[in-house]
């Protein structure tokens, strides 16, 4: 796994950690969707 992939995965984890406790569902689920999408895109190619 390249260093780039590790950085993206760590940033995605930070995004989920900071946005998942939010009371507004748009921010909560938006952060999760963006994080999952970026990890999938990084691992896929």
Protein backbone atom coordinates (compact mmCIF):
# COMPACT_ATOMS: atom_id res chain seq x y z
CA UNK A 1 0.00 0.00 0.00
CA UNK A 2 1.45 3.34 -1.01
CA UNK A 3 1.96 6.21 1.38
CA UNK A 4 -0.69 8.15 -0.56
CA UNK A 5 -3.28 5.51 0.30
CA UNK A 6 -2.38 5.61 3.98
CA UNK A 7 -2.71 9.40 4.04
CA UNK A 8 -6.13 9.30 2.38
CA UNK A 9 -7.37 6.61 4.77
CA UNK A 10 -6.14 8.56 7.80
CA UNK A 11 -7.77 11.77 6.55
CA UNK A 12 -11.01 9.88 5.93
CA UNK A 13 -10.91 8.54 9.49
CA UNK A 14 -10.41 12.09 10.81
CA UNK A 15 -13.33 13.32 8.69
CA UNK A 16 -15.63 10.63 10.08
CA UNK A 17 -14.46 11.24 13.65
CA UNK A 18 -15.12 14.99 13.44
CA UNK A 19 -18.37 14.89 11.48
CA UNK A 20 -20.16 11.80 12.85
CA UNK A 21 -21.06 13.40 16.21
CA UNK A 22 -22.73 16.34 14.52
CA UNK A 23 -26.40 16.87 15.29
CA UNK A 24 -27.23 17.79 11.68
CA UNK A 25 -27.80 14.64 9.60
CA UNK A 26 -26.50 16.29 6.42
CA UNK A 27 -23.07 16.87 7.93
CA UNK A 28 -23.07 13.53 9.78
CA UNK A 29 -23.88 11.34 6.78
CA UNK A 30 -22.20 13.62 4.24
CA UNK A 31 -18.88 13.26 6.04
CA UNK A 32 -19.30 9.49 6.16
CA UNK A 33 -20.18 9.25 2.45
CA UNK A 34 -17.24 11.44 1.41
CA UNK A 35 -14.85 9.42 3.59
CA UNK A 36 -16.03 6.05 2.28
CA UNK A 37 -15.99 7.30 -1.31
CA UNK A 38 -12.45 8.62 -1.04
CA UNK A 39 -11.15 5.40 0.54
CA UNK A 40 -12.84 3.26 -2.13
CA UNK A 41 -11.50 5.49 -4.92
CA UNK A 42 -7.98 5.34 -3.46
CA UNK A 43 -7.98 1.58 -3.02
CA UNK A 44 -9.59 0.95 -6.42
CA UNK A 45 -6.98 2.77 -8.38
